[in-house]
């Protein structure tokens, strides 16, 4: 049921860094951008995320797009 409802409540069927999650996990005046930059330096193709779509291939591209959307510029 939740999987069907997610696109209608603002969760796209793509890899996403949720703005609310980012806000709650980031201290005031600090950015998690560097942590995602470190992640994108790793060599990976698949992704099992805590929440979201399983990506059996092309995961690094999906994560890079999500990071670009969240932080507004290209990383890695």
PDB file of N, CA and C in Angstrom:
ATOM      1  N   UNK A   1       0.831  -1.189   0.000  1.00  0.00           N
ATOM      2  CA  UNK A   1       0.000   0.000   0.000  1.00  0.00           C
ATOM      3  C   UNK A   1       0.880   1.259   0.000  1.00  0.00           C
ATOM      4  N   UNK A   2       1.894   1.285   0.860  1.00  0.00           N
ATOM      5  CA  UNK A   2       2.776   2.463   0.936  1.00  0.00           C
ATOM      6  C   UNK A   2       3.503   2.686  -0.383  1.00  0.00           C
ATOM      7  N   UNK A   3       3.959   1.618  -1.018  1.00  0.00           N
ATOM      8  CA  UNK A   3       4.676   1.735  -2.295  1.00  0.00           C
ATOM      9  C   UNK A   3       3.791   2.409  -3.346  1.00  0.00           C
ATOM     10  N   UNK A   4       2.524   2.086  -3.360  1.00  0.00           N
ATOM     11  CA  UNK A   4       1.597   2.699  -4.317  1.00  0.00           C
ATOM     12  C   UNK A   4       1.332   4.162  -3.987  1.00  0.00           C
ATOM     13  N   UNK A   5       1.287   4.488  -2.709  1.00  0.00           N
ATOM     14  CA  UNK A   5       0.952   5.848  -2.285  1.00  0.00           C
ATOM     15  C   UNK A   5       2.127   6.814  -2.373  1.00  0.00           C
ATOM     16  N   UNK A   6       3.349   6.312  -2.297  1.00  0.00           N
ATOM     17  CA  UNK A   6       4.522   7.189  -2.218  1.00  0.00           C
ATOM     18  C   UNK A   6       4.615   8.227  -3.341  1.00  0.00           C
ATOM     19  N   UNK A   7       4.403   7.881  -4.615  1.00  0.00           N
ATOM     20  CA  UNK A   7       4.493   8.929  -5.653  1.00  0.00           C
ATOM     21  C   UNK A   7       3.462  10.041  -5.470  1.00  0.00           C
ATOM     22  N   UNK A   8       2.318   9.715  -4.867  1.00  0.00           N
ATOM     23  CA  UNK A   8       1.262  10.708  -4.693  1.00  0.00           C
ATOM     24  C   UNK A   8       1.500  11.643  -3.507  1.00  0.00           C
ATOM     25  N   UNK A   9       2.420  11.267  -2.617  1.00  0.00           N
ATOM     26  CA  UNK A   9       2.717  12.132  -1.468  1.00  0.00           C
ATOM     27  C   UNK A   9       4.100  12.773  -1.586  1.00  0.00           C
ATOM     28  N   UNK A  10       4.627  12.772  -2.811  1.00  0.00           N
ATOM     29  CA  UNK A  10       5.862  13.511  -3.045  1.00  0.00           C
ATOM     30  C   UNK A  10       7.125  12.698  -3.172  1.00  0.00           C
ATOM     31  N   UNK A  11       7.047  11.365  -3.144  1.00  0.00           N
ATOM     32  CA  UNK A  11       8.230  10.536  -3.302  1.00  0.00           C
ATOM     33  C   UNK A  11       8.271   9.988  -4.722  1.00  0.00           C
ATOM     34  N   UNK A  12       9.206  10.467  -5.545  1.00  0.00           N
ATOM     35  CA  UNK A  12       9.288   9.965  -6.915  1.00  0.00           C
ATOM     36  C   UNK A  12       9.826   8.530  -6.933  1.00  0.00           C
ATOM     37  N   UNK A  13       9.660   7.859  -8.056  1.00  0.00           N
ATOM     38  CA  UNK A  13      10.166   6.486  -8.194  1.00  0.00           C
ATOM     39  C   UNK A  13      11.615   6.503  -8.667  1.00  0.00           C
ATOM     40  N   UNK A  14      12.389   7.411  -8.146  1.00  0.00           N
ATOM     41  CA  UNK A  14      13.807   7.514  -8.463  1.00  0.00           C
ATOM     42  C   UNK A  14      14.580   7.599  -7.148  1.00  0.00           C
ATOM     43  N   UNK A  15      15.883   7.531  -7.250  1.00  0.00           N
ATOM     44  CA  UNK A  15      16.721   7.711  -6.066  1.00  0.00           C
ATOM     45  C   UNK A  15      16.591   9.161  -5.623  1.00  0.00           C
ATOM     46  N   UNK A  16      16.366   9.372  -4.354  1.00  0.00           N
ATOM     47  CA  UNK A  16      16.128  10.727  -3.854  1.00  0.00           C
ATOM     48  C   UNK A  16      16.782  10.901  -2.480  1.00  0.00           C
ATOM     49  N   UNK A  17      17.295  12.093  -2.263  1.00  0.00           N
ATOM     50  CA  UNK A  17      17.735  12.504  -0.924  1.00  0.00           C
ATOM     51  C   UNK A  17      16.639  13.431  -0.426  1.00  0.00           C
ATOM     52  N   UNK A  18      15.818  12.930   0.454  1.00  0.00           N
ATOM     53  CA  UNK A  18      14.663  13.695   0.921  1.00  0.00           C
ATOM     54  C   UNK A  18      15.063  14.980   1.613  1.00  0.00           C
ATOM     55  N   UNK A  19      14.449  16.094   1.222  1.00  0.00           N
ATOM     56  CA  UNK A  19      14.792  17.373   1.843  1.00  0.00           C
ATOM     57  C   UNK A  19      14.523  17.400   3.346  1.00  0.00           C
ATOM     58  N   UNK A  20      13.457  16.760   3.788  1.00  0.00           N
ATOM     59  CA  UNK A  20      13.159  16.729   5.217  1.00  0.00           C
ATOM     60  C   UNK A  20      14.228  15.921   5.954  1.00  0.00           C
ATOM     61  N   UNK A  21      14.622  14.775   5.387  1.00  0.00           N
ATOM     62  CA  UNK A  21      15.670  13.957   5.994  1.00  0.00           C
ATOM     63  C   UNK A  21      16.969  14.745   6.074  1.00  0.00           C
ATOM     64  N   UNK A  22      17.349  15.407   4.970  1.00  0.00           N
ATOM     65  CA  UNK A  22      18.580  16.201   4.974  1.00  0.00           C
ATOM     66  C   UNK A  22      18.544  17.269   6.065  1.00  0.00           C
ATOM     67  N   UNK A  23      17.394  17.930   6.189  1.00  0.00           N
ATOM     68  CA  UNK A  23      17.263  18.989   7.196  1.00  0.00           C
ATOM     69  C   UNK A  23      17.408  18.422   8.609  1.00  0.00           C
ATOM     70  N   UNK A  24      16.796  17.272   8.860  1.00  0.00           N
ATOM     71  CA  UNK A  24      16.843  16.681  10.200  1.00  0.00           C
ATOM     72  C   UNK A  24      18.217  16.091  10.534  1.00  0.00           C
ATOM     73  N   UNK A  25      18.972  15.665   9.540  1.00  0.00           N
ATOM     74  CA  UNK A  25      20.263  15.014   9.758  1.00  0.00           C
ATOM     75  C   UNK A  25      21.447  15.982   9.704  1.00  0.00           C
ATOM     76  N   UNK A  26      21.183  17.228   9.376  1.00  0.00           N
ATOM     77  CA  UNK A  26      22.256  18.204   9.195  1.00  0.00           C
ATOM     78  C   UNK A  26      22.191  19.269  10.277  1.00  0.00           C
ATOM     79  N   UNK A  27      23.289  19.484  10.956  1.00  0.00           N
ATOM     80  CA  UNK A  27      23.361  20.554  11.951  1.00  0.00           C
ATOM     81  C   UNK A  27      23.286  21.904  11.260  1.00  0.00           C
ATOM     82  N   UNK A  28      22.802  22.899  11.981  1.00  0.00           N
ATOM     83  CA  UNK A  28      22.685  24.248  11.435  1.00  0.00           C
ATOM     84  C   UNK A  28      24.057  24.750  10.955  1.00  0.00           C
ATOM     85  N   UNK A  29      24.110  25.234   9.734  1.00  0.00           N
ATOM     86  CA  UNK A  29      25.343  25.777   9.184  1.00  0.00           C
ATOM     87  C   UNK A  29      26.313  24.729   8.653  1.00  0.00           C
ATOM     88  N   UNK A  30      25.899  23.464   8.614  1.00  0.00           N
ATOM     89  CA  UNK A  30      26.751  22.376   8.153  1.00  0.00           C
ATOM     90  C   UNK A  30      26.078  21.721   6.952  1.00  0.00           C
ATOM     91  N   UNK A  31      26.862  21.078   6.095  1.00  0.00           N
ATOM     92  CA  UNK A  31      26.333  20.398   4.920  1.00  0.00           C
ATOM     93  C   UNK A  31      26.824  18.950   4.878  1.00  0.00           C
ATOM     94  N   UNK A  32      25.987  18.071   4.397  1.00  0.00           N
ATOM     95  CA  UNK A  32      26.365  16.674   4.192  1.00  0.00           C
ATOM     96  C   UNK A  32      26.949  16.458   2.796  1.00  0.00           C
ATOM     97  N   UNK A  33      27.106  17.505   2.062  1.00  0.00           N
ATOM     98  CA  UNK A  33      27.626  17.419   0.698  1.00  0.00           C
ATOM     99  C   UNK A  33      28.945  16.632   0.630  1.00  0.00           C
ATOM    100  N   UNK A  34      29.862  16.904   1.539  1.00  0.00           N
ATOM    101  CA  UNK A  34      31.151  16.216   1.555  1.00  0.00           C
ATOM    102  C   UNK A  34      31.012  14.716   1.752  1.00  0.00           C
ATOM    103  N   UNK A  35      30.043  14.301   2.564  1.00  0.00           N
ATOM    104  CA  UNK A  35      29.813  12.870   2.777  1.00  0.00           C
ATOM    105  C   UNK A  35      29.337  12.208   1.489  1.00  0.00           C
ATOM    106  N   UNK A  36      28.467  12.886   0.756  1.00  0.00           N
ATOM    107  CA  UNK A  36      28.004  12.325  -0.511  1.00  0.00           C
ATOM    108  C   UNK A  36      29.103  12.359  -1.567  1.00  0.00           C
ATOM    109  N   UNK A  37      29.962  13.342  -1.498  1.00  0.00           N
ATOM    110  CA  UNK A  37      31.108  13.383  -2.408  1.00  0.00           C
ATOM    111  C   UNK A  37      32.002  12.173  -2.157  1.00  0.00           C
ATOM    112  N   UNK A  38      32.236  11.844  -0.890  1.00  0.00           N
ATOM    113  CA  UNK A  38      33.034  10.656  -0.553  1.00  0.00           C
ATOM    114  C   UNK A  38      32.356   9.391  -1.063  1.00  0.00           C
ATOM    115  N   UNK A  39      31.054   9.295  -0.930  1.00  0.00           N
ATOM    116  CA  UNK A  39      30.313   8.140  -1.422  1.00  0.00           C
ATOM    117  C   UNK A  39      30.493   7.983  -2.931  1.00  0.00           C
ATOM    118  N   UNK A  40      30.410   9.087  -3.659  1.00  0.00           N
ATOM    119  CA  UNK A  40      30.514   9.035  -5.119  1.00  0.00           C
ATOM    120  C   UNK A  40      31.933   8.742  -5.604  1.00  0.00           C
ATOM    121  N   UNK A  41      32.905   8.808  -4.720  1.00  0.00           N
ATOM    122  CA  UNK A  41      34.266   8.420  -5.085  1.00  0.00           C
ATOM    123  C   UNK A  41      34.436   6.897  -5.079  1.00  0.00           C
ATOM    124  N   UNK A  42      33.501   6.181  -4.463  1.00  0.00           N
ATOM    125  CA  UNK A  42      33.558   4.723  -4.422  1.00  0.00           C
ATOM    126  C   UNK A  42      33.101   4.139  -5.753  1.00  0.00           C
ATOM    127  N   UNK A  43      33.564   2.929  -6.030  1.00  0.00           N
ATOM    128  CA  UNK A  43      33.178   2.226  -7.247  1.00  0.00           C
ATOM    129  C   UNK A  43      32.005   1.306  -6.910  1.00  0.00           C
ATOM    130  N   UNK A  44      30.803   1.633  -7.393  1.00  0.00           N
ATOM    131  CA  UNK A  44      29.633   0.784  -7.155  1.00  0.00           C
ATOM    132  C   UNK A  44      28.678   0.898  -8.331  1.00  0.00           C
ATOM    133  N   UNK A  45      27.870  -0.130  -8.497  1.00  0.00           N
ATOM    134  CA  UNK A  45      26.891  -0.143  -9.582  1.00  0.00           C
ATOM    135  C   UNK A  45      25.494  -0.460  -9.070  1.00  0.00           C
ATOM    136  N   UNK A  46      25.382  -1.184  -7.944  1.00  0.00           N
ATOM    137  CA  UNK A  46      24.084  -1.546  -7.374  1.00  0.00           C
ATOM    138  C   UNK A  46      23.885  -0.811  -6.048  1.00  0.00           C
ATOM    139  N   UNK A  47      22.616  -0.669  -5.653  1.00  0.00           N
ATOM    140  CA  UNK A  47      22.303   0.037  -4.409  1.00  0.00           C
ATOM    141  C   UNK A  47      21.070  -0.568  -3.759  1.00  0.00           C
ATOM    142  N   UNK A  48      21.199  -0.884  -2.485  1.00  0.00           N
ATOM    143  CA  UNK A  48      20.045  -1.236  -1.668  1.00  0.00           C
ATOM    144  C   UNK A  48      19.941  -0.114  -0.639  1.00  0.00           C
ATOM    145  N   UNK A  49      18.980   0.764  -0.821  1.00  0.00           N
ATOM    146  CA  UNK A  49      18.822   1.924   0.053  1.00  0.00           C
ATOM    147  C   UNK A  49      17.912   1.567   1.230  1.00  0.00           C
ATOM    148  N   UNK A  50      18.051   2.292   2.311  1.00  0.00           N
ATOM    149  CA  UNK A  50      17.177   2.089   3.470  1.00  0.00           C
ATOM    150  C   UNK A  50      15.725   2.354   3.079  1.00  0.00           C
ATOM    151  N   UNK A  51      15.509   3.348   2.269  1.00  0.00           N
ATOM    152  CA  UNK A  51      14.185   3.667   1.733  1.00  0.00           C
ATOM    153  C   UNK A  51      14.371   3.941   0.254  1.00  0.00           C
ATOM    154  N   UNK A  52      13.449   3.506  -0.553  1.00  0.00           N
ATOM    155  CA  UNK A  52      13.534   3.816  -1.969  1.00  0.00           C
ATOM    156  C   UNK A  52      13.646   2.582  -2.830  1.00  0.00           C
ATOM    157  N   UNK A  53      13.975   2.824  -4.060  1.00  0.00           N
ATOM    158  CA  UNK A  53      14.004   1.792  -5.076  1.00  0.00           C
ATOM    159  C   UNK A  53      15.323   1.032  -5.056  1.00  0.00           C
ATOM    160  N   UNK A  54      15.251  -0.294  -5.189  1.00  0.00           N
ATOM    161  CA  UNK A  54      16.440  -1.130  -5.346  1.00  0.00           C
ATOM    162  C   UNK A  54      16.985  -0.881  -6.741  1.00  0.00           C
ATOM    163  N   UNK A  55      18.269  -0.600  -6.842  1.00  0.00           N
ATOM    164  CA  UNK A  55      18.909  -0.365  -8.130  1.00  0.00           C
ATOM    165  C   UNK A  55      19.940  -1.459  -8.381  1.00  0.00           C
ATOM    166  N   UNK A  56      19.599  -2.469  -9.204  1.00  0.00           N
ATOM    167  CA  UNK A  56      20.535  -3.551  -9.468  1.00  0.00           C
ATOM    168  C   UNK A  56      21.694  -3.141 -10.367  1.00  0.00           C
ATOM    169  N   UNK A  57      21.535  -2.043 -11.098  1.00  0.00           N
ATOM    170  CA  UNK A  57      22.628  -1.521 -11.932  1.00  0.00           C
ATOM    171  C   UNK A  57      22.399  -0.032 -12.176  1.00  0.00           C
ATOM    172  N   UNK A  58      23.471   0.678 -12.484  1.00  0.00           N
ATOM    173  CA  UNK A  58      23.380   2.114 -12.746  1.00  0.00           C
ATOM    174  C   UNK A  58      23.149   2.963 -11.512  1.00  0.00           C
ATOM    175  N   UNK A  59      23.434   2.405 -10.349  1.00  0.00           N
ATOM    176  CA  UNK A  59      23.142   3.103  -9.096  1.00  0.00           C
ATOM    177  C   UNK A  59      23.975   4.365  -8.907  1.00  0.00           C
ATOM    178  N   UNK A  60      25.223   4.327  -9.317  1.00  0.00           N
ATOM    179  CA  UNK A  60      26.070   5.503  -9.110  1.00  0.00           C
ATOM    180  C   UNK A  60      25.509   6.707  -9.863  1.00  0.00           C
ATOM    181  N   UNK A  61      25.010   6.480 -11.057  1.00  0.00           N
ATOM    182  CA  UNK A  61      24.385   7.557 -11.831  1.00  0.00           C
ATOM    183  C   UNK A  61      23.138   8.056 -11.119  1.00  0.00           C
ATOM    184  N   UNK A  62      22.335   7.133 -10.593  1.00  0.00           N
ATOM    185  CA  UNK A  62      21.133   7.525  -9.859  1.00  0.00           C
ATOM    186  C   UNK A  62      21.446   8.323  -8.614  1.00  0.00           C
ATOM    187  N   UNK A  63      22.460   7.905  -7.886  1.00  0.00           N
ATOM    188  CA  UNK A  63      22.856   8.633  -6.678  1.00  0.00           C
ATOM    189  C   UNK A  63      23.405  10.004  -7.058  1.00  0.00           C
ATOM    190  N   UNK A  64      24.217  10.068  -8.105  1.00  0.00           N
ATOM    191  CA  UNK A  64      24.764  11.358  -8.535  1.00  0.00           C
ATOM    192  C   UNK A  64      23.631  12.329  -8.903  1.00  0.00           C
ATOM    193  N   UNK A  65      22.625  11.848  -9.598  1.00  0.00           N
ATOM    194  CA  UNK A  65      21.480  12.713  -9.945  1.00  0.00           C
ATOM    195  C   UNK A  65      20.741  13.186  -8.700  1.00  0.00           C
ATOM    196  N   UNK A  66      20.561  12.292  -7.732  1.00  0.00           N
ATOM    197  CA  UNK A  66      19.887  12.662  -6.490  1.00  0.00           C
ATOM    198  C   UNK A  66      20.689  13.716  -5.728  1.00  0.00           C
ATOM    199  N   UNK A  67      22.006  13.547  -5.700  1.00  0.00           N
ATOM    200  CA  UNK A  67      22.872  14.516  -5.022  1.00  0.00           C
ATOM    201  C   UNK A  67      22.815  15.861  -5.750  1.00  0.00           C
ATOM    202  N   UNK A  68      22.844  15.824  -7.077  1.00  0.00           N
ATOM    203  CA  UNK A  68      22.747  17.066  -7.854  1.00  0.00           C
ATOM    204  C   UNK A  68      21.440  17.790  -7.556  1.00  0.00           C
ATOM    205  N   UNK A  69      20.340  17.036  -7.467  1.00  0.00           N
ATOM    206  CA  UNK A  69      19.044  17.672  -7.151  1.00  0.00           C
ATOM    207  C   UNK A  69      19.053  18.247  -5.742  1.00  0.00           C
ATOM    208  N   UNK A  70      19.631  17.524  -4.805  1.00  0.00           N
ATOM    209  CA  UNK A  70      19.614  17.965  -3.410  1.00  0.00           C
ATOM    210  C   UNK A  70      20.523  19.152  -3.139  1.00  0.00           C
ATOM    211  N   UNK A  71      21.685  19.176  -3.793  1.00  0.00           N
ATOM    212  CA  UNK A  71      22.684  20.211  -3.494  1.00  0.00           C
ATOM    213  C   UNK A  71      22.863  21.215  -4.619  1.00  0.00           C
ATOM    214  N   UNK A  72      22.226  20.980  -5.752  1.00  0.00           N
ATOM    215  CA  UNK A  72      22.218  21.973  -6.819  1.00  0.00           C
ATOM    216  C   UNK A  72      23.446  22.069  -7.683  1.00  0.00           C
ATOM    217  N   UNK A  73      24.366  21.138  -7.576  1.00  0.00           N
ATOM    218  CA  UNK A  73      25.548  21.189  -8.457  1.00  0.00           C
ATOM    219  C   UNK A  73      26.134  19.793  -8.565  1.00  0.00           C
ATOM    220  N   UNK A  74      26.972  19.604  -9.564  1.00  0.00           N
ATOM    221  CA  UNK A  74      27.566  18.300  -9.801  1.00  0.00           C
ATOM    222  C   UNK A  74      28.663  18.009  -8.788  1.00  0.00           C
ATOM    223  N   UNK A  75      28.637  16.784  -8.284  1.00  0.00           N
ATOM    224  CA  UNK A  75      29.632  16.292  -7.339  1.00  0.00           C
ATOM    225  C   UNK A  75      30.211  15.011  -7.927  1.00  0.00           C
ATOM    226  N   UNK A  76      31.492  14.804  -7.754  1.00  0.00           N
ATOM    227  CA  UNK A  76      32.113  13.543  -8.135  1.00  0.00           C
ATOM    228  C   UNK A  76      32.248  13.417  -9.605  1.00  0.00           C
TER     229      UNK A  76
END
